[in-house]
Amino acid sequence: MKQFAPFLIALSLSTTPALAQEQEEGLSLMERGAQLFFRGLMDEMEPVLDGLEGMAREMEPALRDFAQQMGPALRDLMDEVEDWSAYHPPEVLPNGDIILRKKTPQEMAEPQGEIEL
């Protein structure tokens, strides 16, 4: 989502061209520079977004198939596991099996690290 934040800002600036035209007269140099920057960014992002749209169309049948086949199993798993924080991240074994290891009581008591703001 962080990757699309500049695009979303640029899109919001470009969706109201009439309003932008009216306000351009009163824009400061910083505001005008930011507007030009986001327009340029949007021009650069357009081919990438077109490619993503095509890729999404190609992937749609496979994702729909995956959801139909795995949906019930994932729903059952979600019903069984009450607290996901009590488990380590999934591990893929050399034979391809995926396991979820439950944390020990000592691991549960350890602080997970502080986030400095």
C-alpha atoms as a PDB file:
ATOM      1  CA  MET A   1       0.000   0.000   0.000  1.00  0.00           C
ATOM      2  CA  LYS A   2       2.892   2.363   0.722  1.00  0.00           C
ATOM      3  CA  GLN A   3       3.982   1.976  -2.898  1.00  0.00           C
ATOM      4  CA  PHE A   4       0.686   3.323  -4.170  1.00  0.00           C
ATOM      5  CA  ALA A   5       0.403   6.304  -1.810  1.00  0.00           C
ATOM      6  CA  PRO A   6       2.109   8.752  -4.213  1.00  0.00           C
ATOM      7  CA  PHE A   7      -0.054   7.467  -7.037  1.00  0.00           C
ATOM      8  CA  LEU A   8      -3.228   7.925  -5.009  1.00  0.00           C
ATOM      9  CA  ILE A   9      -2.226  11.470  -4.113  1.00  0.00           C
ATOM     10  CA  ALA A  10      -1.440  12.219  -7.739  1.00  0.00           C
ATOM     11  CA  LEU A  11      -4.726  10.701  -8.804  1.00  0.00           C
ATOM     12  CA  SER A  12      -6.627  12.867  -6.350  1.00  0.00           C
ATOM     13  CA  LEU A  13      -4.875  15.953  -7.690  1.00  0.00           C
ATOM     14  CA  SER A  14      -5.682  15.077 -11.275  1.00  0.00           C
ATOM     15  CA  THR A  15      -9.324  14.061 -10.843  1.00  0.00           C
ATOM     16  CA  THR A  16     -10.531  17.632 -10.535  1.00  0.00           C
ATOM     17  CA  PRO A  17      -8.920  19.474 -13.451  1.00  0.00           C
ATOM     18  CA  ALA A  18     -11.455  22.327 -13.462  1.00  0.00           C
ATOM     19  CA  LEU A  19     -10.927  22.974  -9.773  1.00  0.00           C
ATOM     20  CA  ALA A  20      -7.185  22.708 -10.227  1.00  0.00           C
ATOM     21  CA  GLN A  21      -7.308  25.256 -13.058  1.00  0.00           C
ATOM     22  CA  GLU A  22      -9.199  27.703 -10.849  1.00  0.00           C
ATOM     23  CA  GLN A  23      -6.815  27.222  -7.952  1.00  0.00           C
ATOM     24  CA  GLU A  24      -3.591  27.372  -9.991  1.00  0.00           C
ATOM     25  CA  GLU A  25      -3.639  31.155  -9.919  1.00  0.00           C
ATOM     26  CA  GLY A  26      -3.438  31.190  -6.122  1.00  0.00           C
ATOM     27  CA  LEU A  27      -0.880  28.383  -5.697  1.00  0.00           C
ATOM     28  CA  SER A  28       2.436  29.022  -4.043  1.00  0.00           C
ATOM     29  CA  LEU A  29       5.616  27.868  -5.744  1.00  0.00           C
ATOM     30  CA  MET A  30       5.800  24.872  -3.397  1.00  0.00           C
ATOM     31  CA  GLU A  31       2.226  23.848  -4.185  1.00  0.00           C
ATOM     32  CA  ARG A  32       2.787  24.275  -7.919  1.00  0.00           C
ATOM     33  CA  GLY A  33       6.023  22.250  -7.684  1.00  0.00           C
ATOM     34  CA  ALA A  34       4.265  19.466  -5.789  1.00  0.00           C
ATOM     35  CA  GLN A  35       1.502  19.436  -8.372  1.00  0.00           C
ATOM     36  CA  LEU A  36       4.003  19.164 -11.237  1.00  0.00           C
ATOM     37  CA  PHE A  37       5.901  16.453  -9.369  1.00  0.00           C
ATOM     38  CA  PHE A  38       2.768  14.354  -8.888  1.00  0.00           C
ATOM     39  CA  ARG A  39       1.688  14.831 -12.504  1.00  0.00           C
ATOM     40  CA  GLY A  40       5.113  13.614 -13.626  1.00  0.00           C
ATOM     41  CA  LEU A  41       4.916  10.688 -11.229  1.00  0.00           C
ATOM     42  CA  MET A  42       1.491   9.808 -12.580  1.00  0.00           C
ATOM     43  CA  ASP A  43       2.804   9.899 -16.155  1.00  0.00           C
ATOM     44  CA  GLU A  44       5.624   7.537 -15.146  1.00  0.00           C
ATOM     45  CA  MET A  45       3.252   5.174 -13.294  1.00  0.00           C
ATOM     46  CA  GLU A  46       0.704   4.874 -16.105  1.00  0.00           C
ATOM     47  CA  PRO A  47       2.507   2.109 -18.085  1.00  0.00           C
ATOM     48  CA  VAL A  48       3.160   0.144 -14.880  1.00  0.00           C
ATOM     49  CA  LEU A  49      -0.482   0.346 -13.853  1.00  0.00           C
ATOM     50  CA  ASP A  50      -1.581  -0.731 -17.331  1.00  0.00           C
ATOM     51  CA  GLY A  51       0.706  -3.759 -17.000  1.00  0.00           C
ATOM     52  CA  LEU A  52      -0.702  -4.574 -13.576  1.00  0.00           C
ATOM     53  CA  GLU A  53      -4.215  -4.403 -14.944  1.00  0.00           C
ATOM     54  CA  GLY A  54      -3.322  -6.902 -17.677  1.00  0.00           C
ATOM     55  CA  MET A  55      -1.624  -9.195 -15.180  1.00  0.00           C
ATOM     56  CA  ALA A  56      -4.663  -9.043 -12.904  1.00  0.00           C
ATOM     57  CA  ARG A  57      -6.898 -10.106 -15.798  1.00  0.00           C
ATOM     58  CA  GLU A  58      -4.581 -13.043 -16.534  1.00  0.00           C
ATOM     59  CA  MET A  59      -4.442 -14.127 -12.886  1.00  0.00           C
ATOM     60  CA  GLU A  60      -8.159 -13.798 -12.184  1.00  0.00           C
ATOM     61  CA  PRO A  61      -9.170 -17.347 -13.266  1.00  0.00           C
ATOM     62  CA  ALA A  62      -6.340 -18.940 -11.252  1.00  0.00           C
ATOM     63  CA  LEU A  63      -7.168 -16.871  -8.152  1.00  0.00           C
ATOM     64  CA  ARG A  64     -10.857 -17.664  -8.482  1.00  0.00           C
ATOM     65  CA  ASP A  65      -9.992 -21.373  -8.739  1.00  0.00           C
ATOM     66  CA  PHE A  66      -7.720 -21.126  -5.688  1.00  0.00           C
ATOM     67  CA  ALA A  67     -10.449 -19.413  -3.655  1.00  0.00           C
ATOM     68  CA  GLN A  68     -13.004 -22.071  -4.597  1.00  0.00           C
ATOM     69  CA  GLN A  69     -10.703 -24.959  -3.738  1.00  0.00           C
ATOM     70  CA  MET A  70      -8.918 -23.578  -0.671  1.00  0.00           C
ATOM     71  CA  GLY A  71     -11.650 -21.340   0.728  1.00  0.00           C
ATOM     72  CA  PRO A  72     -13.396 -23.997   2.823  1.00  0.00           C
ATOM     73  CA  ALA A  73     -10.084 -25.354   4.205  1.00  0.00           C
ATOM     74  CA  LEU A  74      -8.863 -21.863   5.131  1.00  0.00           C
ATOM     75  CA  ARG A  75     -12.205 -21.069   6.759  1.00  0.00           C
ATOM     76  CA  ASP A  76     -11.928 -24.252   8.860  1.00  0.00           C
ATOM     77  CA  LEU A  77      -8.366 -23.332   9.854  1.00  0.00           C
ATOM     78  CA  MET A  78      -9.457 -19.834  10.870  1.00  0.00           C
ATOM     79  CA  ASP A  79     -12.218 -21.338  13.032  1.00  0.00           C
ATOM     80  CA  GLU A  80      -9.768 -23.703  14.770  1.00  0.00           C
ATOM     81  CA  VAL A  81      -7.010 -21.211  15.563  1.00  0.00           C
ATOM     82  CA  GLU A  82      -8.162 -18.779  18.223  1.00  0.00           C
ATOM     83  CA  ASP A  83      -5.015 -16.685  18.655  1.00  0.00           C
ATOM     84  CA  TRP A  84      -2.560 -16.386  15.750  1.00  0.00           C
ATOM     85  CA  SER A  85      -0.017 -14.633  17.957  1.00  0.00           C
ATOM     86  CA  ALA A  86       0.478 -17.942  19.779  1.00  0.00           C
ATOM     87  CA  TYR A  87       2.163 -19.398  16.669  1.00  0.00           C
ATOM     88  CA  HIS A  88       5.464 -18.880  14.889  1.00  0.00           C
ATOM     89  CA  PRO A  89       5.366 -17.881  11.217  1.00  0.00           C
ATOM     90  CA  PRO A  90       4.709 -20.820   8.872  1.00  0.00           C
ATOM     91  CA  GLU A  91       7.725 -22.900   7.836  1.00  0.00           C
ATOM     92  CA  VAL A  92       8.103 -24.780   4.570  1.00  0.00           C
ATOM     93  CA  LEU A  93       9.919 -28.081   5.033  1.00  0.00           C
ATOM     94  CA  PRO A  94      12.245 -29.515   2.336  1.00  0.00           C
ATOM     95  CA  ASN A  95       9.518 -31.995   1.314  1.00  0.00           C
ATOM     96  CA  GLY A  96       7.078 -29.110   0.706  1.00  0.00           C
ATOM     97  CA  ASP A  97       4.995 -29.514   3.851  1.00  0.00           C
ATOM     98  CA  ILE A  98       4.001 -26.324   5.624  1.00  0.00           C
ATOM     99  CA  ILE A  99       3.952 -26.380   9.412  1.00  0.00           C
ATOM    100  CA  LEU A 100       2.793 -23.954  12.083  1.00  0.00           C
ATOM    101  CA  ARG A 101       4.747 -24.281  15.318  1.00  0.00           C
ATOM    102  CA  LYS A 102       3.009 -23.191  18.497  1.00  0.00           C
ATOM    103  CA  LYS A 103       5.056 -20.919  20.773  1.00  0.00           C
ATOM    104  CA  THR A 104       6.128 -22.257  24.145  1.00  0.00           C
ATOM    105  CA  PRO A 105       4.836 -20.547  27.325  1.00  0.00           C
ATOM    106  CA  GLN A 106       8.298 -18.953  27.741  1.00  0.00           C
ATOM    107  CA  GLU A 107       8.170 -17.533  24.210  1.00  0.00           C
ATOM    108  CA  MET A 108       4.685 -16.179  24.857  1.00  0.00           C
ATOM    109  CA  ALA A 109       5.906 -14.391  28.017  1.00  0.00           C
ATOM    110  CA  GLU A 110       8.896 -12.755  26.279  1.00  0.00           C
ATOM    111  CA  PRO A 111       8.289  -9.234  25.018  1.00  0.00           C
ATOM    112  CA  GLN A 112       8.127  -9.120  21.231  1.00  0.00           C
ATOM    113  CA  GLY A 113      10.250  -5.988  21.049  1.00  0.00           C
ATOM    114  CA  GLU A 114       9.183  -2.426  21.419  1.00  0.00           C
ATOM    115  CA  ILE A 115       8.265  -0.157  18.581  1.00  0.00           C
ATOM    116  CA  GLU A 116       9.923   3.202  18.945  1.00  0.00           C
ATOM    117  CA  LEU A 117       7.768   6.084  17.824  1.00  0.00           C
END
